[in-house]
């Protein structure tokens, strides 16, 4: 049994059991992968895939177990390589990050600019998506870091570090009745108008919906989007009143859009950064985390990486006051 055979096995599993796709993914030939798979099955004395003719149609119970263990072995090999690079201070590599549009558009640009200046030989990969899409990338082991808000239950295999907090704002054209309210905005005020906000999680969990439900109200959501810029566009069109992250409100938006503070109407939320619990962090990875969340020093990050459960991580940061990120004041 060789490491190459295990990598080919994972390549087949991660390519939908399509050997041609796996060969392209692994930059090798289809006959080469087929040969290595046959040799591995002969050595193990077990069939790892269900076959129909030459096509692979499923994974056998033995295959499921072998694939699971192969993932751990390949990951540990990469961890050993990472450890060696850290010891030699090698500043060459790749950092793959999956995050939401709000983080990518409004938070990460300054961080990435500084990171690129420090580590010009590190290639950055930035994937944008919903929490569900980020979770899929984590499961496929295609990324090093996940950055998101809420949805912690979808990432049980990650160590999640708290980075900052933020509140929502209500956005409306300057001549809209909501923008002209004399008293403080309330949820009953909002419930009177069509609303435009972020796409809801497929799990059904939503602090936005929960806030209305707690007061016996039913929000009239007419449009949802993953992108705060899209929300602003449809608010400008008059489709509805926007509810979005305060950090997405830019000074240029003030020309035609009023931002009403929604602090207290909806729960304050925390953005986190996560990495696999068994990962060995490169030096440049730790530095990226500190750039993104300065209160997460290298000592904090490495200490958290040694902990075995998220409960222990949460306890480590229980007394840390997180910064609150806002947009244009």
Protein backbone atom coordinates (compact mmCIF):
# COMPACT_ATOMS: atom_id res chain seq x y z
CA UNK A 1 0.00 0.00 0.00
CA UNK A 2 1.39 3.39 -1.00
CA UNK A 3 0.52 7.01 -0.33
CA UNK A 4 -0.07 7.43 -4.08
CA UNK A 5 -2.71 4.69 -4.01
CA UNK A 6 -4.51 6.39 -1.11
CA UNK A 7 -4.44 9.74 -2.91
CA UNK A 8 -5.85 8.12 -6.05
CA UNK A 9 -8.56 6.45 -3.94
CA UNK A 10 -9.58 9.83 -2.48
CA UNK A 11 -9.41 11.40 -5.92
CA UNK A 12 -11.95 8.87 -7.21
CA UNK A 13 -14.23 9.38 -4.19
CA UNK A 14 -14.08 13.19 -4.52
CA UNK A 15 -14.74 13.10 -8.28
CA UNK A 16 -18.11 11.40 -8.05
CA UNK A 17 -16.58 7.94 -8.74
CA UNK A 18 -15.59 9.16 -12.20
CA UNK A 19 -12.08 7.86 -12.93
CA UNK A 20 -11.66 10.19 -15.92
CA UNK A 21 -12.47 13.21 -13.76
CA UNK A 22 -10.17 11.88 -11.05
CA UNK A 23 -7.29 11.53 -13.50
CA UNK A 24 -7.75 15.16 -14.58
CA UNK A 25 -7.95 16.29 -10.97
CA UNK A 26 -4.74 14.43 -10.09
CA UNK A 27 -2.89 15.25 -13.32
CA UNK A 28 -2.33 11.61 -14.24
CA UNK A 29 -3.69 9.03 -16.68
CA UNK A 30 -6.95 7.12 -16.36
CA UNK A 31 -5.23 3.70 -16.88
CA UNK A 32 -2.72 4.63 -14.19
CA UNK A 33 -5.45 5.29 -11.63
CA UNK A 34 -7.33 2.12 -12.58
CA UNK A 35 -4.15 0.06 -12.21
CA UNK A 36 -3.33 1.52 -8.79
CA UNK A 37 -6.91 0.94 -7.60
CA UNK A 38 -6.79 -2.68 -8.74
CA UNK A 39 -3.48 -3.26 -6.95
CA UNK A 40 -4.86 -1.68 -3.75
CA UNK A 41 -7.99 -3.85 -3.79
CA UNK A 42 -5.90 -6.97 -4.44
CA UNK A 43 -3.60 -6.15 -1.52
CA UNK A 44 -6.53 -5.49 0.82
CA UNK A 45 -8.49 -8.49 -0.43
CA UNK A 46 -11.65 -6.38 -0.59
CA UNK A 47 -13.63 -4.56 -3.24
CA UNK A 48 -13.82 -0.86 -2.43
CA UNK A 49 -16.34 0.17 -5.09
CA UNK A 50 -19.51 -1.29 -6.57
CA UNK A 51 -19.10 -1.78 -10.31
CA UNK A 52 -21.43 -2.01 -13.28
CA UNK A 53 -19.27 -3.04 -16.19
CA UNK A 54 -16.27 -0.71 -16.13
CA UNK A 55 -18.16 2.08 -14.34
CA UNK A 56 -18.03 2.64 -10.58
CA UNK A 57 -21.57 3.04 -9.26
CA UNK A 58 -21.12 3.09 -5.50
CA UNK A 59 -18.85 2.62 -2.50
CA UNK A 60 -18.86 -0.66 -0.58
CA UNK A 61 -18.96 -0.69 3.26
CA UNK A 62 -15.29 -1.67 3.22
CA UNK A 63 -14.61 1.20 0.83
CA UNK A 64 -16.32 3.70 3.13
CA UNK A 65 -14.08 2.65 6.01
CA UNK A 66 -10.88 2.64 3.95
CA UNK A 67 -11.67 6.06 2.43
CA UNK A 68 -12.32 7.52 5.88
CA UNK A 69 -9.00 6.23 7.21
CA UNK A 70 -7.17 7.24 4.03
CA UNK A 71 -8.33 10.84 4.53
CA UNK A 72 -6.81 10.89 7.99
CA UNK A 73 -3.54 9.41 6.74
CA UNK A 74 -3.19 11.86 3.85
CA UNK A 75 -4.08 14.75 6.14
CA UNK A 76 -1.45 13.70 8.68
CA UNK A 77 1.16 13.45 5.93
CA UNK A 78 0.36 17.03 4.94
CA UNK A 79 0.51 18.06 8.60
CA UNK A 80 4.02 16.61 8.85
CA UNK A 81 5.05 18.56 5.77
CA UNK A 82 3.51 21.71 7.24
CA UNK A 83 5.38 21.17 10.50
CA UNK A 84 8.65 20.84 8.61
CA UNK A 85 7.99 24.04 6.67
CA UNK A 86 7.22 25.88 9.91
CA UNK A 87 10.49 24.70 11.43
CA UNK A 88 12.40 26.03 8.43
CA UNK A 89 10.26 29.24 8.30
CA UNK A 90 9.43 28.55 4.68
CA UNK A 91 7.02 31.25 3.52
CA UNK A 92 5.76 29.58 0.37
CA UNK A 93 2.42 27.84 0.01
CA UNK A 94 -1.31 28.26 -0.52
CA UNK A 95 -4.03 29.62 1.73
CA UNK A 96 -7.58 28.69 0.71
CA UNK A 97 -10.41 30.59 2.40
CA UNK A 98 -14.17 30.17 2.10
CA UNK A 99 -16.38 32.98 3.30
CA UNK A 100 -19.55 34.94 2.69
CA UNK A 101 -19.88 37.87 0.32
CA UNK A 102 -20.09 40.38 3.17
CA UNK A 103 -16.70 39.30 4.54
CA UNK A 104 -15.11 39.12 1.09
CA UNK A 105 -16.43 42.51 0.00
CA UNK A 106 -16.28 44.65 3.15
CA UNK A 107 -13.79 43.09 5.59
CA UNK A 108 -11.13 41.04 3.84
CA UNK A 109 -9.69 43.45 1.23
CA UNK A 110 -7.49 45.37 3.72
CA UNK A 111 -6.47 42.14 5.44
CA UNK A 112 -5.51 40.45 2.17
CA UNK A 113 -3.61 43.53 0.98
CA UNK A 114 -1.44 43.49 4.11
CA UNK A 115 -1.05 39.72 3.97
CA UNK A 116 0.13 39.85 0.35
CA UNK A 117 2.77 42.40 1.27
CA UNK A 118 4.08 40.14 4.04
CA UNK A 119 3.86 36.86 2.11
CA UNK A 120 4.17 37.54 -1.63
CA UNK A 121 4.97 33.87 -2.35
CA UNK A 122 1.78 32.53 -0.75
CA UNK A 123 -1.06 31.96 -3.21
CA UNK A 124 -4.50 32.97 -1.96
CA UNK A 125 -7.71 31.23 -2.98
CA UNK A 126 -10.96 32.94 -1.98
CA UNK A 127 -14.25 31.06 -2.28
CA UNK A 128 -17.55 32.86 -1.67
CA UNK A 129 -20.82 31.21 -0.75
CA UNK A 130 -23.53 30.58 1.81
CA UNK A 131 -22.89 28.76 5.06
CA UNK A 132 -24.10 25.56 3.41
CA UNK A 133 -21.69 25.97 0.51
CA UNK A 134 -18.82 26.75 2.88
CA UNK A 135 -19.66 23.59 4.85
CA UNK A 136 -19.46 21.56 1.62
CA UNK A 137 -15.97 22.93 0.92
CA UNK A 138 -14.93 22.06 4.47
CA UNK A 139 -16.25 18.50 4.07
CA UNK A 140 -14.34 18.12 0.80
CA UNK A 141 -11.20 19.43 2.54
CA UNK A 142 -10.69 22.05 -0.17
CA UNK A 143 -10.06 24.98 2.17
CA UNK A 144 -7.84 25.92 5.10
CA UNK A 145 -10.07 28.54 6.73
CA UNK A 146 -13.80 29.11 6.89
CA UNK A 147 -15.10 32.56 7.87
CA UNK A 148 -18.79 32.98 8.56
CA UNK A 149 -21.41 34.23 11.01
CA UNK A 150 -23.56 31.87 13.05
CA UNK A 151 -24.34 28.34 11.80
CA UNK A 152 -21.69 26.88 14.15
CA UNK A 153 -23.56 23.57 14.30
CA UNK A 154 -22.75 23.01 10.62
CA UNK A 155 -19.00 22.92 11.36
CA UNK A 156 -18.43 20.34 14.14
CA UNK A 157 -15.03 19.36 12.76
CA UNK A 158 -13.62 22.90 13.00
CA UNK A 159 -12.04 24.91 15.78
CA UNK A 160 -13.99 28.18 15.69
CA UNK A 161 -12.32 31.38 16.91
CA UNK A 162 -14.49 34.44 17.70
CA UNK A 163 -13.34 37.40 15.57
CA UNK A 164 -15.75 40.32 15.95
CA UNK A 165 -19.39 41.23 16.51
CA UNK A 166 -21.78 43.26 14.38
CA UNK A 167 -25.33 44.58 14.37
CA UNK A 168 -27.85 44.99 11.62
CA UNK A 169 -29.07 48.25 10.14
CA UNK A 170 -32.33 49.07 8.41
CA UNK A 171 -31.88 50.68 5.00
CA UNK A 172 -34.46 52.79 3.18
CA UNK A 173 -34.62 55.57 0.59
CA UNK A 174 -34.40 58.97 2.29
CA UNK A 175 -38.01 59.81 1.40
CA UNK A 176 -39.36 56.49 2.75
CA UNK A 177 -41.75 56.61 5.77
CA UNK A 178 -39.34 54.45 7.80
CA UNK A 179 -36.60 57.04 7.29
CA UNK A 180 -38.92 59.81 8.50
CA UNK A 181 -40.04 58.18 11.77
CA UNK A 182 -39.83 60.61 14.68
CA UNK A 183 -39.55 57.89 17.32
CA UNK A 184 -37.11 55.01 17.60
CA UNK A 185 -37.72 52.27 15.06
CA UNK A 186 -39.55 49.16 16.32
CA UNK A 187 -40.19 45.72 14.88
CA UNK A 188 -43.93 46.48 14.50
CA UNK A 189 -42.86 49.47 12.36
CA UNK A 190 -40.79 47.17 10.17
CA UNK A 191 -43.51 44.53 9.94
CA UNK A 192 -45.73 47.06 8.13
CA UNK A 193 -43.39 47.16 5.12
CA UNK A 194 -42.05 44.66 2.57
CA UNK A 195 -38.50 43.66 3.53
CA UNK A 196 -35.32 42.81 1.63
CA UNK A 197 -32.64 40.88 3.51
CA UNK A 198 -30.11 38.05 3.37
CA UNK A 199 -30.89 34.52 2.20
CA UNK A 200 -32.00 32.39 5.13
CA UNK A 201 -30.13 29.26 6.17
CA UNK A 202 -31.57 25.99 4.90
CA UNK A 203 -31.52 24.75 8.50
CA UNK A 204 -34.34 27.15 9.29
CA UNK A 205 -32.33 28.91 12.00
CA UNK A 206 -32.58 32.70 11.72
CA UNK A 207 -32.13 35.35 14.42
CA UNK A 208 -33.91 37.70 12.00
CA UNK A 209 -37.08 35.58 11.98
CA UNK A 210 -36.77 34.77 15.68
CA UNK A 211 -36.82 38.46 16.61
CA UNK A 212 -40.17 38.96 14.87
CA UNK A 213 -41.63 35.72 16.18
CA UNK A 214 -40.77 36.71 19.76
CA UNK A 215 -43.18 39.64 19.36
CA UNK A 216 -45.84 37.63 17.55
CA UNK A 217 -45.07 39.31 14.22
CA UNK A 218 -44.72 37.89 10.72
CA UNK A 219 -42.17 39.75 8.57
CA UNK A 220 -43.15 40.30 4.94
CA UNK A 221 -39.91 39.32 3.20
CA UNK A 222 -40.27 39.93 -0.54
CA UNK A 223 -36.67 39.38 -1.64
CA UNK A 224 -33.55 37.70 -0.27
CA UNK A 225 -29.97 37.89 -1.52
CA UNK A 226 -26.51 36.67 -0.52
CA UNK A 227 -24.98 39.98 -1.53
CA UNK A 228 -25.44 43.24 0.44
CA UNK A 229 -24.88 45.21 -2.78
CA UNK A 230 -27.86 43.42 -4.31
CA UNK A 231 -29.96 44.27 -1.24
CA UNK A 232 -29.03 47.94 -1.64
CA UNK A 233 -29.92 47.83 -5.34
CA UNK A 234 -33.43 46.54 -4.67
CA UNK A 235 -33.97 48.97 -1.83
CA UNK A 236 -33.12 51.77 -4.28
CA UNK A 237 -35.64 50.28 -6.72
CA UNK A 238 -38.34 50.64 -4.07
CA UNK A 239 -38.92 46.91 -3.67
CA UNK A 240 -38.75 47.10 0.10
CA UNK A 241 -36.90 48.16 3.24
CA UNK A 242 -33.48 46.53 3.61
CA UNK A 243 -32.12 44.76 6.67
CA UNK A 244 -28.40 43.98 6.42
CA UNK A 245 -25.04 44.06 8.20
CA UNK A 246 -23.99 47.52 9.37
CA UNK A 247 -20.48 47.02 7.93
CA UNK A 248 -21.98 46.91 4.41
CA UNK A 249 -23.17 50.53 4.64
CA UNK A 250 -20.63 52.72 2.85
CA UNK A 251 -20.32 56.48 3.02
CA UNK A 252 -21.36 56.78 -0.63
CA UNK A 253 -24.66 55.07 0.19
CA UNK A 254 -25.63 58.03 2.37
CA UNK A 255 -26.33 60.11 -0.74
CA UNK A 256 -29.68 58.41 -1.30
CA UNK A 257 -30.13 55.79 1.42
CA UNK A 258 -30.82 56.33 5.11
CA UNK A 259 -29.35 53.84 7.58
CA UNK A 260 -31.37 53.37 10.77
CA UNK A 261 -29.62 51.70 13.70
CA UNK A 262 -31.28 48.34 14.41
CA UNK A 263 -29.19 47.62 17.49
CA UNK A 264 -31.47 45.97 20.04
CA UNK A 265 -34.11 45.01 17.48
CA UNK A 266 -32.10 41.97 16.43
CA UNK A 267 -29.51 39.99 18.39
CA UNK A 268 -25.89 41.03 17.97
CA UNK A 269 -24.04 38.33 16.02
CA UNK A 270 -20.48 37.03 16.02
CA UNK A 271 -18.29 36.35 13.01
CA UNK A 272 -15.85 33.47 13.48
CA UNK A 273 -12.88 31.93 11.70
CA UNK A 274 -12.52 28.16 11.70
CA UNK A 275 -9.87 25.58 10.81
CA UNK A 276 -9.78 21.80 11.05
CA UNK A 277 -9.18 20.55 14.56
CA UNK A 278 -6.37 18.26 13.43
CA UNK A 279 -4.63 20.85 11.24
CA UNK A 280 -1.07 22.02 11.73
CA UNK A 281 -1.08 25.77 11.12
CA UNK A 282 1.65 27.30 9.00
CA UNK A 283 3.24 30.46 10.35
CA UNK A 284 1.61 32.55 7.63
CA UNK A 285 -1.79 31.06 8.53
CA UNK A 286 -1.44 32.20 12.13
CA UNK A 287 -0.39 35.65 10.92
CA UNK A 288 -3.47 35.85 8.68
CA UNK A 289 -5.73 35.13 11.64
CA UNK A 290 -4.06 37.89 13.67
CA UNK A 291 -4.46 40.33 10.78
CA UNK A 292 -8.14 39.48 10.47
CA UNK A 293 -8.76 39.61 14.24
CA UNK A 294 -5.91 41.45 16.05
CA UNK A 295 -7.05 40.25 19.48
CA UNK A 296 -6.26 36.68 18.32
CA UNK A 297 -2.52 36.74 18.92
CA UNK A 298 -0.26 33.91 17.78
CA UNK A 299 -0.23 32.62 21.37
CA UNK A 300 -4.05 32.60 21.52
CA UNK A 301 -4.36 30.83 18.17
CA UNK A 302 -1.79 28.13 18.87
CA UNK A 303 -3.26 27.51 22.33
CA UNK A 304 -6.74 27.12 20.83
CA UNK A 305 -5.39 24.75 18.16
CA UNK A 306 -4.21 22.39 20.91
CA UNK A 307 -7.67 22.09 22.48
CA UNK A 308 -9.80 19.03 21.76
CA UNK A 309 -13.33 20.45 21.89
CA UNK A 310 -15.13 23.63 20.88
CA UNK A 311 -16.40 23.96 24.46
CA UNK A 312 -12.78 24.32 25.61
CA UNK A 313 -12.16 26.94 22.92
CA UNK A 314 -15.27 28.87 23.97
CA UNK A 315 -14.08 28.78 27.56
CA UNK A 316 -10.66 30.13 26.53
CA UNK A 317 -12.29 33.21 24.98
CA UNK A 318 -15.18 33.58 27.45
CA UNK A 319 -13.76 36.76 29.00
CA UNK A 320 -12.49 38.34 25.79
CA UNK A 321 -14.31 41.50 24.71
CA UNK A 322 -14.74 41.32 20.94
CA UNK A 323 -14.51 44.42 18.74
CA UNK A 324 -17.74 45.60 17.12
CA UNK A 325 -17.47 46.26 13.40
CA UNK A 326 -19.63 48.96 11.81
CA UNK A 327 -19.89 50.68 8.46
CA UNK A 328 -19.88 54.37 7.57
CA UNK A 329 -20.88 56.36 10.65
